[in-house]
Amino acid sequence: MLAASAVAQTAKEIRGASPYIAVENEPAPRLIVDPPVAEALAQGVFWAQYRVENLRIVQVFGEGARQVSPRIGHLHITVDDLPWWWADASDNNTVDIAGLPPGPHKVTISLVDADHNVFPDQVKTVTFIVPEHAKVIHGSHSK
């Protein structure tokens, strides 16, 4: 038991700093996005898991929130270069977009601060193809 606990990572190493302690000189936030789940694309659904480092995704917005430590923010998501985007502050670890027609698509995910400013170099673009034979599901869907 002692040997196993010696190699175990601490909660801070896995989850980051405690929200009760201000972080001095915070490292830059980082967004990691996985490729979309192929089985979902066959149904016209984009599911891509993500995670962030050095930032907490929470439903807090506005200029004053930029001063919070540890740092907070959320995601902005666009589809196929459309001129609109939506904010996702749910931190559910998966971007979910249903009803995509067959063909090529592009989803852009940006990590932003609480005042909607994009963090430098934290925009990830995922390109993919929904197969022609995809059974497109509109409205609710399941695994």
N, C-alpha and C. Protein backbone atom coordinates (compact mmCIF):
# COMPACT_ATOMS: atom_id res chain seq x y z
N MET A 1 0.83 -1.18 0.00
CA MET A 1 0.00 0.00 0.00
C MET A 1 0.87 1.25 0.00
N LEU A 2 1.94 1.26 0.78
CA LEU A 2 2.81 2.42 0.85
C LEU A 2 3.46 2.68 -0.50
N ALA A 3 3.90 1.65 -1.19
CA ALA A 3 4.53 1.83 -2.50
C ALA A 3 3.54 2.39 -3.51
N ALA A 4 2.29 1.95 -3.47
CA ALA A 4 1.28 2.44 -4.40
C ALA A 4 1.00 3.91 -4.17
N SER A 5 0.93 4.33 -2.91
CA SER A 5 0.64 5.73 -2.64
C SER A 5 1.83 6.62 -2.95
N ALA A 6 3.02 6.08 -2.97
CA ALA A 6 4.21 6.88 -3.27
C ALA A 6 4.21 7.36 -4.72
N VAL A 7 3.59 6.61 -5.64
CA VAL A 7 3.56 7.00 -7.05
C VAL A 7 2.26 7.69 -7.42
N ALA A 8 1.29 7.71 -6.53
CA ALA A 8 0.01 8.35 -6.82
C ALA A 8 0.19 9.86 -6.91
N GLN A 9 -0.52 10.46 -7.83
CA GLN A 9 -0.46 11.91 -7.97
C GLN A 9 -1.37 12.56 -6.93
N THR A 10 -1.01 13.77 -6.55
CA THR A 10 -1.83 14.49 -5.58
C THR A 10 -3.06 15.05 -6.26
N ALA A 11 -4.03 15.45 -5.45
CA ALA A 11 -5.24 16.09 -6.00
C ALA A 11 -4.86 17.37 -6.74
N LYS A 12 -3.93 18.14 -6.19
CA LYS A 12 -3.50 19.38 -6.84
C LYS A 12 -2.86 19.10 -8.19
N GLU A 13 -2.08 18.02 -8.30
CA GLU A 13 -1.46 17.68 -9.57
C GLU A 13 -2.50 17.33 -10.64
N ILE A 14 -3.58 16.71 -10.23
CA ILE A 14 -4.62 16.29 -11.17
C ILE A 14 -5.63 17.40 -11.41
N ARG A 15 -6.13 18.05 -10.36
CA ARG A 15 -7.23 19.01 -10.46
C ARG A 15 -6.78 20.46 -10.54
N GLY A 16 -5.51 20.74 -10.21
CA GLY A 16 -5.04 22.12 -10.18
C GLY A 16 -5.18 22.71 -8.79
N ALA A 17 -4.90 24.00 -8.71
CA ALA A 17 -4.88 24.68 -7.41
C ALA A 17 -6.27 24.73 -6.78
N SER A 18 -6.28 24.83 -5.47
CA SER A 18 -7.53 24.99 -4.73
C SER A 18 -8.18 26.31 -5.10
N PRO A 19 -9.50 26.35 -5.23
CA PRO A 19 -10.15 27.61 -5.55
C PRO A 19 -10.11 28.61 -4.40
N TYR A 20 -9.64 28.20 -3.23
CA TYR A 20 -9.58 29.08 -2.07
C TYR A 20 -8.27 29.86 -1.98
N ILE A 21 -7.32 29.54 -2.85
CA ILE A 21 -6.01 30.18 -2.79
C ILE A 21 -5.72 30.88 -4.11
N ALA A 22 -5.40 32.17 -4.05
CA ALA A 22 -5.03 32.91 -5.26
C ALA A 22 -3.75 32.32 -5.83
N VAL A 23 -3.70 32.22 -7.15
CA VAL A 23 -2.54 31.66 -7.82
C VAL A 23 -1.68 32.80 -8.36
N GLU A 24 -0.45 32.86 -7.90
CA GLU A 24 0.48 33.87 -8.40
C GLU A 24 1.14 33.34 -9.67
N ASN A 25 1.28 34.20 -10.66
CA ASN A 25 1.97 33.83 -11.91
C ASN A 25 1.39 32.56 -12.52
N GLU A 26 0.10 32.56 -12.76
CA GLU A 26 -0.57 31.40 -13.32
C GLU A 26 0.01 31.05 -14.69
N PRO A 27 0.23 29.78 -14.96
CA PRO A 27 0.66 29.40 -16.31
C PRO A 27 -0.48 29.67 -17.29
N ALA A 28 -0.13 29.80 -18.55
CA ALA A 28 -1.12 30.10 -19.59
C ALA A 28 -2.16 28.98 -19.68
N PRO A 29 -3.41 29.34 -19.95
CA PRO A 29 -4.44 28.31 -20.12
C PRO A 29 -4.18 27.52 -21.40
N ARG A 30 -4.70 26.31 -21.42
CA ARG A 30 -4.47 25.43 -22.57
C ARG A 30 -5.74 24.64 -22.85
N LEU A 31 -6.10 24.54 -24.13
CA LEU A 31 -7.26 23.78 -24.59
C LEU A 31 -6.79 22.57 -25.38
N ILE A 32 -7.30 21.40 -25.03
CA ILE A 32 -6.99 20.15 -25.73
C ILE A 32 -8.31 19.59 -26.24
N VAL A 33 -8.39 19.30 -27.54
CA VAL A 33 -9.62 18.78 -28.15
C VAL A 33 -9.30 17.47 -28.86
N ASP A 34 -10.07 16.43 -28.57
CA ASP A 34 -9.91 15.13 -29.23
C ASP A 34 -10.62 15.14 -30.57
N PRO A 35 -10.26 14.21 -31.47
CA PRO A 35 -11.01 14.06 -32.72
C PRO A 35 -12.45 13.65 -32.42
N PRO A 36 -13.36 13.92 -33.36
CA PRO A 36 -14.76 13.53 -33.13
C PRO A 36 -14.92 12.01 -33.08
N VAL A 37 -15.95 11.57 -32.37
CA VAL A 37 -16.25 10.14 -32.24
C VAL A 37 -16.85 9.65 -33.56
N ALA A 38 -16.18 8.70 -34.20
CA ALA A 38 -16.59 8.23 -35.53
C ALA A 38 -18.01 7.65 -35.53
N GLU A 39 -18.38 6.90 -34.50
CA GLU A 39 -19.71 6.30 -34.45
C GLU A 39 -20.80 7.36 -34.45
N ALA A 40 -20.55 8.48 -33.82
CA ALA A 40 -21.54 9.55 -33.79
C ALA A 40 -21.63 10.24 -35.15
N LEU A 41 -20.49 10.42 -35.83
CA LEU A 41 -20.52 11.05 -37.16
C LEU A 41 -21.40 10.27 -38.12
N ALA A 42 -21.45 8.94 -37.96
CA ALA A 42 -22.30 8.11 -38.81
C ALA A 42 -23.78 8.43 -38.62
N GLN A 43 -24.11 9.18 -37.56
CA GLN A 43 -25.49 9.60 -37.29
C GLN A 43 -25.66 11.10 -37.52
N GLY A 44 -24.62 11.74 -38.08
CA GLY A 44 -24.69 13.18 -38.31
C GLY A 44 -24.50 13.99 -37.04
N VAL A 45 -23.82 13.38 -36.04
CA VAL A 45 -23.61 14.03 -34.74
C VAL A 45 -22.12 14.21 -34.51
N PHE A 46 -21.74 15.41 -34.11
CA PHE A 46 -20.36 15.71 -33.76
C PHE A 46 -20.23 15.65 -32.25
N TRP A 47 -19.43 14.71 -31.76
CA TRP A 47 -19.07 14.62 -30.35
C TRP A 47 -17.56 14.68 -30.28
N ALA A 48 -17.02 15.69 -29.65
CA ALA A 48 -15.57 15.77 -29.43
C ALA A 48 -15.32 16.13 -27.98
N GLN A 49 -14.57 15.27 -27.31
CA GLN A 49 -14.23 15.55 -25.92
C GLN A 49 -13.13 16.60 -25.87
N TYR A 50 -13.12 17.37 -24.79
CA TYR A 50 -12.09 18.38 -24.59
C TYR A 50 -11.72 18.42 -23.12
N ARG A 51 -10.60 19.06 -22.86
CA ARG A 51 -10.22 19.38 -21.49
C ARG A 51 -9.42 20.67 -21.53
N VAL A 52 -9.37 21.35 -20.40
CA VAL A 52 -8.58 22.57 -20.30
C VAL A 52 -7.60 22.42 -19.15
N GLU A 53 -6.51 23.15 -19.26
CA GLU A 53 -5.52 23.22 -18.20
C GLU A 53 -5.38 24.67 -17.78
N ASN A 54 -5.12 24.89 -16.51
CA ASN A 54 -4.84 26.22 -15.95
C ASN A 54 -6.00 27.20 -16.13
N LEU A 55 -7.22 26.68 -16.09
CA LEU A 55 -8.43 27.49 -16.21
C LEU A 55 -9.60 26.64 -15.73
N ARG A 56 -10.57 27.28 -15.10
CA ARG A 56 -11.80 26.60 -14.69
C ARG A 56 -12.94 27.14 -15.54
N ILE A 57 -13.70 26.24 -16.15
CA ILE A 57 -14.85 26.65 -16.94
C ILE A 57 -16.04 26.77 -16.00
N VAL A 58 -16.55 28.00 -15.90
CA VAL A 58 -17.68 28.28 -15.02
C VAL A 58 -18.59 29.31 -15.67
N GLN A 59 -19.80 29.39 -15.17
CA GLN A 59 -20.80 30.32 -15.71
C GLN A 59 -20.70 31.68 -15.02
N VAL A 60 -19.56 32.32 -15.19
CA VAL A 60 -19.32 33.65 -14.66
C VAL A 60 -18.77 34.49 -15.80
N PHE A 61 -19.39 35.66 -16.03
CA PHE A 61 -19.02 36.47 -17.17
C PHE A 61 -18.75 37.91 -16.75
N GLY A 62 -18.07 38.64 -17.59
CA GLY A 62 -17.85 40.07 -17.38
C GLY A 62 -16.43 40.42 -17.06
N GLU A 63 -16.12 41.69 -17.27
CA GLU A 63 -14.75 42.19 -17.12
C GLU A 63 -14.18 41.92 -15.72
N GLY A 64 -14.96 42.13 -14.68
CA GLY A 64 -14.48 41.91 -13.32
C GLY A 64 -14.04 40.49 -13.06
N ALA A 65 -14.65 39.54 -13.75
CA ALA A 65 -14.32 38.13 -13.55
C ALA A 65 -12.94 37.77 -14.11
N ARG A 66 -12.38 38.64 -14.93
CA ARG A 66 -11.03 38.36 -15.46
C ARG A 66 -9.98 38.42 -14.37
N GLN A 67 -10.29 39.04 -13.24
CA GLN A 67 -9.32 39.18 -12.15
C GLN A 67 -9.37 38.01 -11.16
N VAL A 68 -10.28 37.07 -11.37
CA VAL A 68 -10.45 35.94 -10.45
C VAL A 68 -9.26 34.99 -10.55
N SER A 69 -8.87 34.44 -9.43
CA SER A 69 -7.80 33.44 -9.39
C SER A 69 -8.30 32.28 -8.53
N PRO A 70 -8.13 31.04 -8.98
CA PRO A 70 -7.61 30.63 -10.27
C PRO A 70 -8.48 31.15 -11.43
N ARG A 71 -7.85 31.27 -12.58
CA ARG A 71 -8.46 31.85 -13.79
C ARG A 71 -9.72 31.09 -14.20
N ILE A 72 -10.72 31.84 -14.71
CA ILE A 72 -11.97 31.23 -15.20
C ILE A 72 -12.23 31.66 -16.63
N GLY A 73 -13.06 30.88 -17.32
CA GLY A 73 -13.43 31.19 -18.69
C GLY A 73 -14.47 30.21 -19.19
N HIS A 74 -14.60 30.14 -20.51
CA HIS A 74 -15.57 29.25 -21.14
C HIS A 74 -15.15 29.03 -22.60
N LEU A 75 -15.98 28.35 -23.36
CA LEU A 75 -15.69 28.06 -24.78
C LEU A 75 -16.60 28.88 -25.68
N HIS A 76 -16.08 29.24 -26.85
CA HIS A 76 -16.90 29.74 -27.96
C HIS A 76 -16.79 28.71 -29.06
N ILE A 77 -17.93 28.38 -29.69
CA ILE A 77 -17.96 27.33 -30.70
C ILE A 77 -18.63 27.86 -31.95
N THR A 78 -17.99 27.63 -33.11
CA THR A 78 -18.59 27.97 -34.40
C THR A 78 -18.58 26.73 -35.28
N VAL A 79 -19.52 26.69 -36.22
CA VAL A 79 -19.64 25.57 -37.15
C VAL A 79 -19.56 26.10 -38.57
N ASP A 80 -18.69 25.49 -39.37
CA ASP A 80 -18.59 25.77 -40.81
C ASP A 80 -18.43 27.25 -41.13
N ASP A 81 -17.65 27.96 -40.33
CA ASP A 81 -17.36 29.38 -40.55
C ASP A 81 -18.60 30.26 -40.59
N LEU A 82 -19.69 29.83 -39.98
CA LEU A 82 -20.87 30.68 -39.91
C LEU A 82 -20.54 31.94 -39.10
N PRO A 83 -21.24 33.04 -39.32
CA PRO A 83 -20.88 34.29 -38.65
C PRO A 83 -21.30 34.36 -37.18
N TRP A 84 -21.96 33.35 -36.66
CA TRP A 84 -22.39 33.35 -35.27
C TRP A 84 -21.70 32.23 -34.51
N TRP A 85 -21.67 32.35 -33.20
CA TRP A 85 -21.08 31.34 -32.32
C TRP A 85 -21.96 31.22 -31.08
N TRP A 86 -21.68 30.22 -30.28
CA TRP A 86 -22.35 30.14 -29.00
C TRP A 86 -21.31 29.90 -27.90
N ALA A 87 -21.66 30.34 -26.71
CA ALA A 87 -20.79 30.17 -25.55
C ALA A 87 -21.21 28.91 -24.80
N ASP A 88 -20.22 28.13 -24.39
CA ASP A 88 -20.47 26.93 -23.59
C ASP A 88 -19.69 27.05 -22.30
N ALA A 89 -20.41 27.22 -21.21
CA ALA A 89 -19.79 27.32 -19.88
C ALA A 89 -20.18 26.12 -19.02
N SER A 90 -20.57 25.02 -19.66
CA SER A 90 -21.07 23.86 -18.91
C SER A 90 -19.96 22.97 -18.38
N ASP A 91 -18.81 22.96 -19.00
CA ASP A 91 -17.69 22.09 -18.62
C ASP A 91 -18.11 20.62 -18.54
N ASN A 92 -18.93 20.19 -19.50
CA ASN A 92 -19.35 18.79 -19.50
C ASN A 92 -18.37 17.90 -20.25
N ASN A 93 -17.30 18.44 -20.77
CA ASN A 93 -16.16 17.76 -21.38
C ASN A 93 -16.41 17.24 -22.79
N THR A 94 -17.57 17.53 -23.39
CA THR A 94 -17.85 17.10 -24.75
C THR A 94 -18.66 18.15 -25.48
N VAL A 95 -18.17 18.57 -26.65
CA VAL A 95 -18.95 19.44 -27.52
C VAL A 95 -19.89 18.52 -28.30
N ASP A 96 -21.17 18.86 -28.35
CA ASP A 96 -22.21 18.01 -28.92
C ASP A 96 -23.01 18.84 -29.93
N ILE A 97 -22.92 18.47 -31.21
CA ILE A 97 -23.66 19.18 -32.26
C ILE A 97 -24.38 18.12 -33.10
N ALA A 98 -25.70 18.20 -33.16
CA ALA A 98 -26.49 17.19 -33.87
C ALA A 98 -27.10 17.77 -35.13
N GLY A 99 -27.52 16.88 -36.03
CA GLY A 99 -28.23 17.28 -37.23
C GLY A 99 -27.35 17.74 -38.36
N LEU A 100 -26.07 17.40 -38.34
CA LEU A 100 -25.17 17.81 -39.41
C LEU A 100 -25.45 16.99 -40.68
N PRO A 101 -25.62 17.64 -41.83
CA PRO A 101 -25.86 16.89 -43.06
C PRO A 101 -24.58 16.22 -43.55
N PRO A 102 -24.71 15.20 -44.39
CA PRO A 102 -23.52 14.56 -44.95
C PRO A 102 -22.63 15.57 -45.67
N GLY A 103 -21.31 15.31 -45.60
CA GLY A 103 -20.33 16.15 -46.27
C GLY A 103 -19.29 16.68 -45.31
N PRO A 104 -18.40 17.54 -45.82
CA PRO A 104 -17.33 18.08 -44.98
C PRO A 104 -17.83 19.19 -44.06
N HIS A 105 -17.25 19.24 -42.87
CA HIS A 105 -17.61 20.25 -41.87
C HIS A 105 -16.37 20.68 -41.11
N LYS A 106 -16.53 21.80 -40.42
CA LYS A 106 -15.45 22.34 -39.59
C LYS A 106 -16.07 22.93 -38.33
N VAL A 107 -15.55 22.52 -37.18
CA VAL A 107 -15.97 23.08 -35.89
C VAL A 107 -14.74 23.76 -35.29
N THR A 108 -14.93 25.02 -34.89
CA THR A 108 -13.85 25.78 -34.27
C THR A 108 -14.23 26.03 -32.81
N ILE A 109 -13.32 25.67 -31.92
CA ILE A 109 -13.54 25.80 -30.48
C ILE A 109 -12.46 26.73 -29.95
N SER A 110 -12.90 27.82 -29.31
CA SER A 110 -11.97 28.81 -28.76
C SER A 110 -12.10 28.85 -27.25
N LEU A 111 -10.98 28.91 -26.56
CA LEU A 111 -10.96 29.08 -25.12
C LEU A 111 -10.88 30.58 -24.84
N VAL A 112 -11.86 31.10 -24.10
CA VAL A 112 -11.96 32.55 -23.88
C VAL A 112 -12.05 32.86 -22.40
N ASP A 113 -11.72 34.11 -22.07
CA ASP A 113 -11.86 34.53 -20.68
C ASP A 113 -13.31 34.91 -20.39
N ALA A 114 -13.58 35.33 -19.17
CA ALA A 114 -14.95 35.63 -18.75
C ALA A 114 -15.54 36.83 -19.48
N ASP A 115 -14.70 37.60 -20.17
CA ASP A 115 -15.15 38.77 -20.93
C ASP A 115 -15.12 38.48 -22.44
N HIS A 116 -15.04 37.20 -22.81
CA HIS A 116 -15.11 36.71 -24.20
C HIS A 116 -13.87 37.01 -25.03
N ASN A 117 -12.74 37.29 -24.41
CA ASN A 117 -11.49 37.48 -25.15
C ASN A 117 -10.80 36.14 -25.32
N VAL A 118 -10.40 35.83 -26.55
CA VAL A 118 -9.75 34.55 -26.84
C VAL A 118 -8.35 34.55 -26.25
N PHE A 119 -8.00 33.47 -25.55
CA PHE A 119 -6.64 33.32 -25.05
C PHE A 119 -5.71 33.05 -26.24
N PRO A 120 -4.52 33.63 -26.24
CA PRO A 120 -3.59 33.43 -27.37
C PRO A 120 -3.33 31.96 -27.64
N ASP A 121 -3.39 31.61 -28.92
CA ASP A 121 -3.07 30.25 -29.39
C ASP A 121 -3.98 29.17 -28.81
N GLN A 122 -5.19 29.53 -28.37
CA GLN A 122 -6.10 28.55 -27.79
C GLN A 122 -7.38 28.43 -28.60
N VAL A 123 -7.19 28.30 -29.91
CA VAL A 123 -8.29 28.06 -30.85
C VAL A 123 -7.98 26.75 -31.55
N LYS A 124 -8.89 25.81 -31.46
CA LYS A 124 -8.70 24.49 -32.08
C LYS A 124 -9.77 24.31 -33.15
N THR A 125 -9.35 23.89 -34.34
CA THR A 125 -10.28 23.64 -35.44
C THR A 125 -10.26 22.15 -35.75
N VAL A 126 -11.44 21.57 -35.81
CA VAL A 126 -11.60 20.15 -36.11
C VAL A 126 -12.33 20.05 -37.44
N THR A 127 -11.69 19.43 -38.42
CA THR A 127 -12.35 19.20 -39.71
C THR A 127 -12.70 17.71 -39.79
N PHE A 128 -13.84 17.43 -40.40
CA PHE A 128 -14.32 16.05 -40.46
C PHE A 128 -15.35 15.93 -41.58
N ILE A 129 -15.71 14.71 -41.88
CA ILE A 129 -16.72 14.44 -42.92
C ILE A 129 -17.80 13.56 -42.31
N VAL A 130 -19.04 14.02 -42.45
CA VAL A 130 -20.19 13.19 -42.09
C VAL A 130 -20.45 12.30 -43.31
N PRO A 131 -20.44 10.99 -43.15
CA PRO A 131 -20.59 10.09 -44.29
C PRO A 131 -21.92 10.29 -45.02
N GLU A 132 -21.91 10.03 -46.32
CA GLU A 132 -23.11 10.18 -47.15
C GLU A 132 -24.26 9.30 -46.64
N HIS A 133 -23.94 8.16 -46.11
CA HIS A 133 -24.99 7.23 -45.65
C HIS A 133 -25.43 7.54 -44.21
N ALA A 134 -24.98 8.66 -43.64
CA ALA A 134 -25.30 8.98 -42.25
C ALA A 134 -26.81 9.11 -42.06
N LYS A 135 -27.27 8.53 -40.98
CA LYS A 135 -28.66 8.67 -40.58
C LYS A 135 -28.72 9.91 -39.72
N VAL A 136 -29.10 11.04 -40.31
CA VAL A 136 -29.09 12.31 -39.59
C VAL A 136 -30.24 12.35 -38.60
N ILE A 137 -29.88 12.64 -37.37
CA ILE A 137 -30.86 12.71 -36.28
C ILE A 137 -31.11 14.19 -35.97
N HIS A 138 -32.34 14.60 -36.00
CA HIS A 138 -32.71 15.96 -35.64
C HIS A 138 -33.38 15.93 -34.27
N GLY A 139 -33.14 16.96 -33.50
CA GLY A 139 -33.70 17.00 -32.15
C GLY A 139 -32.85 16.18 -31.22
N SER A 140 -33.47 15.46 -30.29
CA SER A 140 -32.71 14.72 -29.29
C SER A 140 -32.10 13.48 -29.92
N HIS A 141 -31.03 13.01 -29.31
CA HIS A 141 -30.34 11.82 -29.79
C HIS A 141 -29.77 11.06 -28.60
N SER A 142 -29.36 9.84 -28.84
CA SER A 142 -28.78 9.03 -27.78
C SER A 142 -27.61 8.26 -28.36
N LYS A 143 -26.84 7.65 -27.46
CA LYS A 143 -25.66 6.87 -27.89
C LYS A 143 -26.08 5.66 -28.66
